[in-house]
PDB file of N, CA and C in Angstrom:
ATOM      1  N   UNK A   1      13.025  -7.555 -34.315  1.00  0.00           N
ATOM      2  CA  UNK A   1      13.404  -6.195 -34.054  1.00  0.00           C
ATOM      3  C   UNK A   1      12.196  -5.281 -34.142  1.00  0.00           C
ATOM      4  N   UNK A   2      12.062  -4.416 -33.152  1.00  0.00           N
ATOM      5  CA  UNK A   2      10.934  -3.495 -33.145  1.00  0.00           C
ATOM      6  C   UNK A   2      11.187  -2.299 -34.031  1.00  0.00           C
ATOM      7  N   UNK A   3      10.117  -1.696 -34.453  1.00  0.00           N
ATOM      8  CA  UNK A   3      10.291  -0.520 -35.305  1.00  0.00           C
ATOM      9  C   UNK A   3      10.555   0.694 -34.447  1.00  0.00           C
ATOM     10  N   UNK A   4      11.186   1.650 -35.018  1.00  0.00           N
ATOM     11  CA  UNK A   4      11.516   2.868 -34.306  1.00  0.00           C
ATOM     12  C   UNK A   4      10.329   3.820 -34.356  1.00  0.00           C
ATOM     13  N   UNK A   5       9.943   4.360 -33.216  1.00  0.00           N
ATOM     14  CA  UNK A   5       8.774   5.235 -33.160  1.00  0.00           C
ATOM     15  C   UNK A   5       9.177   6.688 -33.309  1.00  0.00           C
ATOM     16  N   UNK A   6       8.296   7.425 -33.928  1.00  0.00           N
ATOM     17  CA  UNK A   6       8.543   8.862 -34.037  1.00  0.00           C
ATOM     18  C   UNK A   6       8.150   9.532 -32.716  1.00  0.00           C
ATOM     19  N   UNK A   7       8.540  10.768 -32.568  1.00  0.00           N
ATOM     20  CA  UNK A   7       8.224  11.510 -31.345  1.00  0.00           C
ATOM     21  C   UNK A   7       6.714  11.666 -31.185  1.00  0.00           C
ATOM     22  N   UNK A   8       6.018  11.815 -32.295  1.00  0.00           N
ATOM     23  CA  UNK A   8       4.562  11.962 -32.237  1.00  0.00           C
ATOM     24  C   UNK A   8       3.894  10.684 -31.733  1.00  0.00           C
ATOM     25  N   UNK A   9       4.364   9.518 -32.208  1.00  0.00           N
ATOM     26  CA  UNK A   9       3.805   8.242 -31.751  1.00  0.00           C
ATOM     27  C   UNK A   9       4.076   8.020 -30.265  1.00  0.00           C
ATOM     28  N   UNK A  10       5.263   8.383 -29.828  1.00  0.00           N
ATOM     29  CA  UNK A  10       5.586   8.247 -28.408  1.00  0.00           C
ATOM     30  C   UNK A  10       4.688   9.148 -27.560  1.00  0.00           C
ATOM     31  N   UNK A  11       4.475  10.364 -28.019  1.00  0.00           N
ATOM     32  CA  UNK A  11       3.623  11.303 -27.296  1.00  0.00           C
ATOM     33  C   UNK A  11       2.192  10.784 -27.217  1.00  0.00           C
ATOM     34  N   UNK A  12       1.677  10.240 -28.316  1.00  0.00           N
ATOM     35  CA  UNK A  12       0.327   9.684 -28.336  1.00  0.00           C
ATOM     36  C   UNK A  12       0.185   8.560 -27.312  1.00  0.00           C
ATOM     37  N   UNK A  13       1.184   7.686 -27.273  1.00  0.00           N
ATOM     38  CA  UNK A  13       1.139   6.560 -26.346  1.00  0.00           C
ATOM     39  C   UNK A  13       1.200   7.038 -24.889  1.00  0.00           C
ATOM     40  N   UNK A  14       2.030   8.030 -24.608  1.00  0.00           N
ATOM     41  CA  UNK A  14       2.126   8.563 -23.248  1.00  0.00           C
ATOM     42  C   UNK A  14       0.817   9.229 -22.820  1.00  0.00           C
ATOM     43  N   UNK A  15       0.204   9.980 -23.729  1.00  0.00           N
ATOM     44  CA  UNK A  15      -1.057  10.647 -23.406  1.00  0.00           C
ATOM     45  C   UNK A  15      -2.183   9.639 -23.196  1.00  0.00           C
ATOM     46  N   UNK A  16      -2.175   8.560 -23.953  1.00  0.00           N
ATOM     47  CA  UNK A  16      -3.181   7.512 -23.785  1.00  0.00           C
ATOM     48  C   UNK A  16      -3.056   6.885 -22.395  1.00  0.00           C
ATOM     49  N   UNK A  17      -1.827   6.601 -21.971  1.00  0.00           N
ATOM     50  CA  UNK A  17      -1.596   6.030 -20.639  1.00  0.00           C
ATOM     51  C   UNK A  17      -1.979   7.028 -19.549  1.00  0.00           C
ATOM     52  N   UNK A  18      -1.688   8.309 -19.762  1.00  0.00           N
ATOM     53  CA  UNK A  18      -2.020   9.346 -18.785  1.00  0.00           C
ATOM     54  C   UNK A  18      -3.535   9.469 -18.615  1.00  0.00           C
ATOM     55  N   UNK A  19      -4.282   9.473 -19.720  1.00  0.00           N
ATOM     56  CA  UNK A  19      -5.740   9.564 -19.652  1.00  0.00           C
ATOM     57  C   UNK A  19      -6.341   8.351 -18.953  1.00  0.00           C
ATOM     58  N   UNK A  20      -5.775   7.178 -19.218  1.00  0.00           N
ATOM     59  CA  UNK A  20      -6.253   5.950 -18.580  1.00  0.00           C
ATOM     60  C   UNK A  20      -6.040   6.018 -17.069  1.00  0.00           C
ATOM     61  N   UNK A  21      -4.906   6.543 -16.648  1.00  0.00           N
ATOM     62  CA  UNK A  21      -4.607   6.663 -15.227  1.00  0.00           C
ATOM     63  C   UNK A  21      -5.539   7.677 -14.556  1.00  0.00           C
ATOM     64  N   UNK A  22      -5.890   8.754 -15.240  1.00  0.00           N
ATOM     65  CA  UNK A  22      -6.765   9.776 -14.675  1.00  0.00           C
ATOM     66  C   UNK A  22      -8.192   9.259 -14.492  1.00  0.00           C
ATOM     67  N   UNK A  23      -8.612   8.299 -15.319  1.00  0.00           N
ATOM     68  CA  UNK A  23      -9.966   7.755 -15.226  1.00  0.00           C
ATOM     69  C   UNK A  23     -10.140   6.811 -14.045  1.00  0.00           C
ATOM     70  N   UNK A  24      -9.038   6.289 -13.502  1.00  0.00           N
ATOM     71  CA  UNK A  24      -9.138   5.360 -12.380  1.00  0.00           C
ATOM     72  C   UNK A  24      -9.702   6.072 -11.157  1.00  0.00           C
ATOM     73  N   UNK A  25     -10.551   5.373 -10.428  1.00  0.00           N
ATOM     74  CA  UNK A  25     -11.145   5.910  -9.215  1.00  0.00           C
ATOM     75  C   UNK A  25     -10.531   5.179  -8.027  1.00  0.00           C
ATOM     76  N   UNK A  26     -10.056   5.944  -7.072  1.00  0.00           N
ATOM     77  CA  UNK A  26      -9.448   5.357  -5.883  1.00  0.00           C
ATOM     78  C   UNK A  26     -10.454   5.401  -4.742  1.00  0.00           C
ATOM     79  N   UNK A  27     -10.986   4.241  -4.375  1.00  0.00           N
ATOM     80  CA  UNK A  27     -11.933   4.182  -3.265  1.00  0.00           C
ATOM     81  C   UNK A  27     -11.366   3.346  -2.119  1.00  0.00           C
ATOM     82  N   UNK A  28     -10.060   3.413  -1.948  1.00  0.00           N
ATOM     83  CA  UNK A  28      -9.379   2.651  -0.910  1.00  0.00           C
ATOM     84  C   UNK A  28      -9.670   3.258   0.462  1.00  0.00           C
ATOM     85  N   UNK A  29      -9.973   2.422   1.469  1.00  0.00           N
ATOM     86  CA  UNK A  29     -10.247   2.966   2.808  1.00  0.00           C
ATOM     87  C   UNK A  29      -8.962   3.285   3.564  1.00  0.00           C
ATOM     88  N   UNK A  30      -8.543   4.537   3.542  1.00  0.00           N
ATOM     89  CA  UNK A  30      -7.343   4.949   4.261  1.00  0.00           C
ATOM     90  C   UNK A  30      -7.683   5.253   5.714  1.00  0.00           C
ATOM     91  N   UNK A  31      -6.711   5.011   6.582  1.00  0.00           N
ATOM     92  CA  UNK A  31      -6.862   5.297   8.009  1.00  0.00           C
ATOM     93  C   UNK A  31      -6.783   6.809   8.215  1.00  0.00           C
ATOM     94  N   UNK A  32      -7.736   7.405   8.953  1.00  0.00           N
ATOM     95  CA  UNK A  32      -7.665   8.844   9.229  1.00  0.00           C
ATOM     96  C   UNK A  32      -6.440   9.185  10.074  1.00  0.00           C
ATOM     97  N   UNK A  33      -6.022  10.433  10.012  1.00  0.00           N
ATOM     98  CA  UNK A  33      -4.825  10.868  10.732  1.00  0.00           C
ATOM     99  C   UNK A  33      -4.984  10.735  12.244  1.00  0.00           C
ATOM    100  N   UNK A  34      -6.172  11.005  12.760  1.00  0.00           N
ATOM    101  CA  UNK A  34      -6.395  10.925  14.205  1.00  0.00           C
ATOM    102  C   UNK A  34      -6.522   9.483  14.691  1.00  0.00           C
ATOM    103  N   UNK A  35      -6.830   8.557  13.815  1.00  0.00           N
ATOM    104  CA  UNK A  35      -6.901   7.148  14.195  1.00  0.00           C
ATOM    105  C   UNK A  35      -8.293   6.630  14.495  1.00  0.00           C
ATOM    106  N   UNK A  36      -9.284   7.499  14.651  1.00  0.00           N
ATOM    107  CA  UNK A  36     -10.654   7.057  14.914  1.00  0.00           C
ATOM    108  C   UNK A  36     -11.394   6.890  13.595  1.00  0.00           C
ATOM    109  N   UNK A  37     -12.018   5.726  13.415  1.00  0.00           N
ATOM    110  CA  UNK A  37     -12.775   5.444  12.202  1.00  0.00           C
ATOM    111  C   UNK A  37     -14.255   5.492  12.554  1.00  0.00           C
ATOM    112  N   UNK A  38     -15.021   6.306  11.829  1.00  0.00           N
ATOM    113  CA  UNK A  38     -16.451   6.426  12.061  1.00  0.00           C
ATOM    114  C   UNK A  38     -17.192   5.725  10.934  1.00  0.00           C
ATOM    115  N   UNK A  39     -18.179   4.901  11.317  1.00  0.00           N
ATOM    116  CA  UNK A  39     -18.956   4.121  10.361  1.00  0.00           C
ATOM    117  C   UNK A  39     -20.403   4.586  10.386  1.00  0.00           C
ATOM    118  N   UNK A  40     -21.052   4.498   9.228  1.00  0.00           N
ATOM    119  CA  UNK A  40     -22.458   4.859   9.112  1.00  0.00           C
ATOM    120  C   UNK A  40     -23.203   3.643   8.589  1.00  0.00           C
ATOM    121  N   UNK A  41     -24.196   3.178   9.344  1.00  0.00           N
ATOM    122  CA  UNK A  41     -24.986   2.021   8.945  1.00  0.00           C
ATOM    123  C   UNK A  41     -25.912   2.428   7.806  1.00  0.00           C
ATOM    124  N   UNK A  42     -25.927   1.645   6.731  1.00  0.00           N
ATOM    125  CA  UNK A  42     -26.756   2.001   5.583  1.00  0.00           C
ATOM    126  C   UNK A  42     -28.239   1.769   5.866  1.00  0.00           C
ATOM    127  N   UNK A  43     -28.576   0.841   6.776  1.00  0.00           N
ATOM    128  CA  UNK A  43     -29.980   0.587   7.096  1.00  0.00           C
ATOM    129  C   UNK A  43     -30.527   1.592   8.109  1.00  0.00           C
ATOM    130  N   UNK A  44     -29.659   2.151   8.954  1.00  0.00           N
ATOM    131  CA  UNK A  44     -30.077   3.099   9.982  1.00  0.00           C
ATOM    132  C   UNK A  44     -29.064   4.246  10.050  1.00  0.00           C
ATOM    133  N   UNK A  45     -29.094   5.161   9.088  1.00  0.00           N
ATOM    134  CA  UNK A  45     -28.055   6.211   9.026  1.00  0.00           C
ATOM    135  C   UNK A  45     -28.343   7.418   9.914  1.00  0.00           C
ATOM    136  N   UNK A  46     -28.529   7.188  11.207  1.00  0.00           N
ATOM    137  CA  UNK A  46     -28.837   8.308  12.095  1.00  0.00           C
ATOM    138  C   UNK A  46     -27.584   8.984  12.622  1.00  0.00           C
ATOM    139  N   UNK A  47     -26.694   8.197  13.229  1.00  0.00           N
ATOM    140  CA  UNK A  47     -25.513   8.781  13.847  1.00  0.00           C
ATOM    141  C   UNK A  47     -24.309   7.883  13.580  1.00  0.00           C
ATOM    142  N   UNK A  48     -23.139   8.465  13.332  1.00  0.00           N
ATOM    143  CA  UNK A  48     -21.947   7.647  13.084  1.00  0.00           C
ATOM    144  C   UNK A  48     -21.541   6.837  14.319  1.00  0.00           C
ATOM    145  N   UNK A  49     -21.031   5.632  14.064  1.00  0.00           N
ATOM    146  CA  UNK A  49     -20.572   4.723  15.108  1.00  0.00           C
ATOM    147  C   UNK A  49     -19.052   4.674  15.031  1.00  0.00           C
ATOM    148  N   UNK A  50     -18.399   4.629  16.178  1.00  0.00           N
ATOM    149  CA  UNK A  50     -16.941   4.490  16.187  1.00  0.00           C
ATOM    150  C   UNK A  50     -16.614   3.025  15.925  1.00  0.00           C
ATOM    151  N   UNK A  51     -15.812   2.770  14.891  1.00  0.00           N
ATOM    152  CA  UNK A  51     -15.446   1.405  14.528  1.00  0.00           C
ATOM    153  C   UNK A  51     -14.093   1.013  15.084  1.00  0.00           C
ATOM    154  N   UNK A  52     -13.932  -0.286  15.338  1.00  0.00           N
ATOM    155  CA  UNK A  52     -12.667  -0.806  15.852  1.00  0.00           C
ATOM    156  C   UNK A  52     -11.918  -1.468  14.698  1.00  0.00           C
ATOM    157  N   UNK A  53     -10.741  -0.947  14.382  1.00  0.00           N
ATOM    158  CA  UNK A  53      -9.936  -1.463  13.273  1.00  0.00           C
ATOM    159  C   UNK A  53      -9.221  -2.729  13.728  1.00  0.00           C
ATOM    160  N   UNK A  54      -9.341  -3.803  12.936  1.00  0.00           N
ATOM    161  CA  UNK A  54      -8.703  -5.076  13.271  1.00  0.00           C
ATOM    162  C   UNK A  54      -7.379  -5.238  12.534  1.00  0.00           C
ATOM    163  N   UNK A  55      -7.395  -4.989  11.224  1.00  0.00           N
ATOM    164  CA  UNK A  55      -6.199  -5.259  10.428  1.00  0.00           C
ATOM    165  C   UNK A  55      -5.918  -4.094   9.487  1.00  0.00           C
ATOM    166  N   UNK A  56      -4.644  -3.675   9.431  1.00  0.00           N
ATOM    167  CA  UNK A  56      -4.220  -2.612   8.518  1.00  0.00           C
ATOM    168  C   UNK A  56      -2.951  -3.042   7.805  1.00  0.00           C
ATOM    169  N   UNK A  57      -2.621  -2.309   6.756  1.00  0.00           N
ATOM    170  CA  UNK A  57      -1.345  -2.515   6.066  1.00  0.00           C
ATOM    171  C   UNK A  57      -0.877  -1.169   5.527  1.00  0.00           C
ATOM    172  N   UNK A  58       0.433  -1.057   5.361  1.00  0.00           N
ATOM    173  CA  UNK A  58       1.020   0.190   4.868  1.00  0.00           C
ATOM    174  C   UNK A  58       1.271   0.082   3.373  1.00  0.00           C
ATOM    175  N   UNK A  59       0.950   1.169   2.651  1.00  0.00           N
ATOM    176  CA  UNK A  59       1.166   1.224   1.213  1.00  0.00           C
ATOM    177  C   UNK A  59       1.465   2.665   0.839  1.00  0.00           C
ATOM    178  N   UNK A  60       2.663   2.900   0.335  1.00  0.00           N
ATOM    179  CA  UNK A  60       3.095   4.241  -0.092  1.00  0.00           C
ATOM    180  C   UNK A  60       2.896   5.297   0.995  1.00  0.00           C
ATOM    181  N   UNK A  61       3.412   5.021   2.166  1.00  0.00           N
ATOM    182  CA  UNK A  61       3.368   5.929   3.311  1.00  0.00           C
ATOM    183  C   UNK A  61       1.954   6.237   3.796  1.00  0.00           C
ATOM    184  N   UNK A  62       0.968   5.431   3.427  1.00  0.00           N
ATOM    185  CA  UNK A  62      -0.392   5.576   3.928  1.00  0.00           C
ATOM    186  C   UNK A  62      -0.815   4.244   4.533  1.00  0.00           C
ATOM    187  N   UNK A  63      -1.668   4.312   5.528  1.00  0.00           N
ATOM    188  CA  UNK A  63      -2.166   3.096   6.169  1.00  0.00           C
ATOM    189  C   UNK A  63      -3.542   2.785   5.598  1.00  0.00           C
ATOM    190  N   UNK A  64      -3.693   1.567   5.078  1.00  0.00           N
ATOM    191  CA  UNK A  64      -4.945   1.124   4.480  1.00  0.00           C
ATOM    192  C   UNK A  64      -5.640   0.178   5.451  1.00  0.00           C
ATOM    193  N   UNK A  65      -6.940   0.374   5.646  1.00  0.00           N
ATOM    194  CA  UNK A  65      -7.730  -0.489   6.519  1.00  0.00           C
ATOM    195  C   UNK A  65      -8.145  -1.719   5.721  1.00  0.00           C
ATOM    196  N   UNK A  66      -7.822  -2.907   6.225  1.00  0.00           N
ATOM    197  CA  UNK A  66      -8.221  -4.147   5.556  1.00  0.00           C
ATOM    198  C   UNK A  66      -9.495  -4.727   6.151  1.00  0.00           C
ATOM    199  N   UNK A  67      -9.639  -4.680   7.473  1.00  0.00           N
ATOM    200  CA  UNK A  67     -10.862  -5.192   8.090  1.00  0.00           C
ATOM    201  C   UNK A  67     -11.179  -4.411   9.363  1.00  0.00           C
ATOM    202  N   UNK A  68     -12.481  -4.303   9.623  1.00  0.00           N
ATOM    203  CA  UNK A  68     -13.010  -3.601  10.794  1.00  0.00           C
ATOM    204  C   UNK A  68     -13.966  -4.549  11.506  1.00  0.00           C
ATOM    205  N   UNK A  69     -14.055  -4.421  12.820  1.00  0.00           N
ATOM    206  CA  UNK A  69     -14.968  -5.250  13.601  1.00  0.00           C
ATOM    207  C   UNK A  69     -16.400  -4.764  13.405  1.00  0.00           C
ATOM    208  N   UNK A  70     -17.318  -5.708  13.205  1.00  0.00           N
ATOM    209  CA  UNK A  70     -18.734  -5.370  13.045  1.00  0.00           C
ATOM    210  C   UNK A  70     -19.277  -4.871  14.384  1.00  0.00           C
ATOM    211  N   UNK A  71     -19.968  -3.717  14.415  1.00  0.00           N
ATOM    212  CA  UNK A  71     -20.494  -3.189  15.673  1.00  0.00           C
ATOM    213  C   UNK A  71     -21.561  -4.079  16.312  1.00  0.00           C
ATOM    214  N   UNK A  72     -22.256  -4.893  15.511  1.00  0.00           N
ATOM    215  CA  UNK A  72     -23.340  -5.716  16.045  1.00  0.00           C
ATOM    216  C   UNK A  72     -22.866  -7.085  16.524  1.00  0.00           C
ATOM    217  N   UNK A  73     -22.110  -7.805  15.676  1.00  0.00           N
ATOM    218  CA  UNK A  73     -21.745  -9.186  16.024  1.00  0.00           C
ATOM    219  C   UNK A  73     -20.285  -9.345  16.434  1.00  0.00           C
ATOM    220  N   UNK A  74     -19.437  -8.376  16.147  1.00  0.00           N
ATOM    221  CA  UNK A  74     -18.036  -8.455  16.547  1.00  0.00           C
ATOM    222  C   UNK A  74     -17.144  -9.221  15.590  1.00  0.00           C
ATOM    223  N   UNK A  75     -17.680  -9.707  14.485  1.00  0.00           N
ATOM    224  CA  UNK A  75     -16.887 -10.433  13.488  1.00  0.00           C
ATOM    225  C   UNK A  75     -16.192  -9.438  12.557  1.00  0.00           C
ATOM    226  N   UNK A  76     -15.061  -9.821  11.954  1.00  0.00           N
ATOM    227  CA  UNK A  76     -14.383  -8.900  11.030  1.00  0.00           C
ATOM    228  C   UNK A  76     -15.169  -8.706   9.737  1.00  0.00           C
ATOM    229  N   UNK A  77     -15.204  -7.467   9.270  1.00  0.00           N
ATOM    230  CA  UNK A  77     -15.878  -7.133   8.016  1.00  0.00           C
ATOM    231  C   UNK A  77     -14.833  -6.879   6.945  1.00  0.00           C
ATOM    232  N   UNK A  78     -15.143  -7.240   5.718  1.00  0.00           N
ATOM    233  CA  UNK A  78     -14.242  -7.050   4.586  1.00  0.00           C
ATOM    234  C   UNK A  78     -14.694  -5.844   3.765  1.00  0.00           C
ATOM    235  N   UNK A  79     -13.739  -5.224   3.076  1.00  0.00           N
ATOM    236  CA  UNK A  79     -13.996  -4.067   2.215  1.00  0.00           C
ATOM    237  C   UNK A  79     -14.622  -4.535   0.913  1.00  0.00           C
ATOM    238  N   UNK A  80     -15.709  -3.901   0.507  1.00  0.00           N
ATOM    239  CA  UNK A  80     -16.375  -4.190  -0.753  1.00  0.00           C
ATOM    240  C   UNK A  80     -16.195  -2.968  -1.643  1.00  0.00           C
ATOM    241  N   UNK A  81     -15.391  -3.105  -2.689  1.00  0.00           N
ATOM    242  CA  UNK A  81     -15.082  -1.945  -3.533  1.00  0.00           C
ATOM    243  C   UNK A  81     -16.266  -1.517  -4.394  1.00  0.00           C
ATOM    244  N   UNK A  82     -17.207  -2.421  -4.672  1.00  0.00           N
ATOM    245  CA  UNK A  82     -18.383  -2.036  -5.450  1.00  0.00           C
ATOM    246  C   UNK A  82     -19.290  -1.102  -4.639  1.00  0.00           C
ATOM    247  N   UNK A  83     -19.480  -1.414  -3.370  1.00  0.00           N
ATOM    248  CA  UNK A  83     -20.306  -0.589  -2.499  1.00  0.00           C
ATOM    249  C   UNK A  83     -19.526   0.586  -1.928  1.00  0.00           C
ATOM    250  N   UNK A  84     -18.193   0.512  -1.964  1.00  0.00           N
ATOM    251  CA  UNK A  84     -17.298   1.482  -1.334  1.00  0.00           C
ATOM    252  C   UNK A  84     -17.596   1.560   0.159  1.00  0.00           C
ATOM    253  N   UNK A  85     -17.754   0.371   0.769  1.00  0.00           N
ATOM    254  CA  UNK A  85     -18.075   0.280   2.189  1.00  0.00           C
ATOM    255  C   UNK A  85     -17.646  -1.090   2.712  1.00  0.00           C
ATOM    256  N   UNK A  86     -17.675  -1.232   4.036  1.00  0.00           N
ATOM    257  CA  UNK A  86     -17.389  -2.521   4.658  1.00  0.00           C
ATOM    258  C   UNK A  86     -18.688  -3.306   4.758  1.00  0.00           C
ATOM    259  N   UNK A  87     -18.602  -4.624   4.516  1.00  0.00           N
ATOM    260  CA  UNK A  87     -19.790  -5.458   4.462  1.00  0.00           C
ATOM    261  C   UNK A  87     -19.647  -6.626   5.426  1.00  0.00           C
ATOM    262  N   UNK A  88     -20.668  -6.849   6.252  1.00  0.00           N
ATOM    263  CA  UNK A  88     -20.709  -7.987   7.170  1.00  0.00           C
ATOM    264  C   UNK A  88     -21.808  -8.916   6.674  1.00  0.00           C
ATOM    265  N   UNK A  89     -21.445 -10.130   6.302  1.00  0.00           N
ATOM    266  CA  UNK A  89     -22.414 -11.072   5.733  1.00  0.00           C
ATOM    267  C   UNK A  89     -22.849 -12.135   6.736  1.00  0.00           C
ATOM    268  N   UNK A  90     -22.586 -11.941   8.032  1.00  0.00           N
ATOM    269  CA  UNK A  90     -22.982 -12.920   9.045  1.00  0.00           C
ATOM    270  C   UNK A  90     -24.438 -12.762   9.470  1.00  0.00           C
ATOM    271  N   UNK A  91     -25.115 -11.720   9.039  1.00  0.00           N
ATOM    272  CA  UNK A  91     -26.507 -11.474   9.416  1.00  0.00           C
ATOM    273  C   UNK A  91     -27.425 -11.962   8.301  1.00  0.00           C
ATOM    274  N   UNK A  92     -28.742 -12.043   8.588  1.00  0.00           N
ATOM    275  CA  UNK A  92     -29.673 -12.488   7.550  1.00  0.00           C
ATOM    276  C   UNK A  92     -29.705 -11.502   6.383  1.00  0.00           C
ATOM    277  N   UNK A  93     -29.668 -10.203   6.689  1.00  0.00           N
ATOM    278  CA  UNK A  93     -29.488  -9.180   5.657  1.00  0.00           C
ATOM    279  C   UNK A  93     -28.062  -8.671   5.797  1.00  0.00           C
ATOM    280  N   UNK A  94     -27.293  -8.620   4.718  1.00  0.00           N
ATOM    281  CA  UNK A  94     -25.911  -8.118   4.843  1.00  0.00           C
ATOM    282  C   UNK A  94     -25.892  -6.666   5.322  1.00  0.00           C
ATOM    283  N   UNK A  95     -25.088  -6.406   6.318  1.00  0.00           N
ATOM    284  CA  UNK A  95     -24.939  -5.059   6.855  1.00  0.00           C
ATOM    285  C   UNK A  95     -23.829  -4.347   6.096  1.00  0.00           C
ATOM    286  N   UNK A  96     -24.099  -3.117   5.698  1.00  0.00           N
ATOM    287  CA  UNK A  96     -23.125  -2.329   4.948  1.00  0.00           C
ATOM    288  C   UNK A  96     -22.825  -1.075   5.755  1.00  0.00           C
ATOM    289  N   UNK A  97     -21.551  -0.898   6.092  1.00  0.00           N
ATOM    290  CA  UNK A  97     -21.106   0.243   6.886  1.00  0.00           C
ATOM    291  C   UNK A  97     -20.159   1.093   6.055  1.00  0.00           C
ATOM    292  N   UNK A  98     -20.540   2.344   5.871  1.00  0.00           N
ATOM    293  CA  UNK A  98     -19.747   3.281   5.087  1.00  0.00           C
ATOM    294  C   UNK A  98     -18.830   4.078   6.012  1.00  0.00           C
ATOM    295  N   UNK A  99     -17.597   4.301   5.587  1.00  0.00           N
ATOM    296  CA  UNK A  99     -16.651   5.091   6.373  1.00  0.00           C
ATOM    297  C   UNK A  99     -16.944   6.569   6.127  1.00  0.00           C
ATOM    298  N   UNK A 100     -17.156   7.326   7.214  1.00  0.00           N
ATOM    299  CA  UNK A 100     -17.473   8.751   7.102  1.00  0.00           C
ATOM    300  C   UNK A 100     -16.518   9.564   7.965  1.00  0.00           C
ATOM    301  N   UNK A 101     -16.477  10.858   7.705  1.00  0.00           N
ATOM    302  CA  UNK A 101     -15.687  11.780   8.522  1.00  0.00           C
ATOM    303  C   UNK A 101     -16.518  12.203   9.725  1.00  0.00           C
ATOM    304  N   UNK A 102     -15.865  12.448  10.861  1.00  0.00           N
ATOM    305  CA  UNK A 102     -16.628  12.911  12.026  1.00  0.00           C
ATOM    306  C   UNK A 102     -17.117  14.338  11.817  1.00  0.00           C
ATOM    307  N   UNK A 103     -18.207  14.678  12.477  1.00  0.00           N
ATOM    308  CA  UNK A 103     -18.783  16.024  12.332  1.00  0.00           C
ATOM    309  C   UNK A 103     -18.075  17.036  13.158  1.00  0.00           C
TER     310      UNK A 103
END
């Protein structure tokens, strides 16, 4: 049998969970409303490139991009949450493409 908690203990536990949730960072690649995804090459960040979305999924009424076609080789790129960008590892140097807003 569990012990009965006081209102103060319950409040402490709720606030701890709330603070933990606020610290989380959401870097999920959501699909823009217009549908065009612009990518910026990390090695040559001159002008945004229009990316072709290959695979998406729906989550909580938002569309999440799972993979995008690589502009150079045409292979699907996977999302790398550490870089907060899409990464193509088919080249000698891994290409990293960041999702940006159009100008």
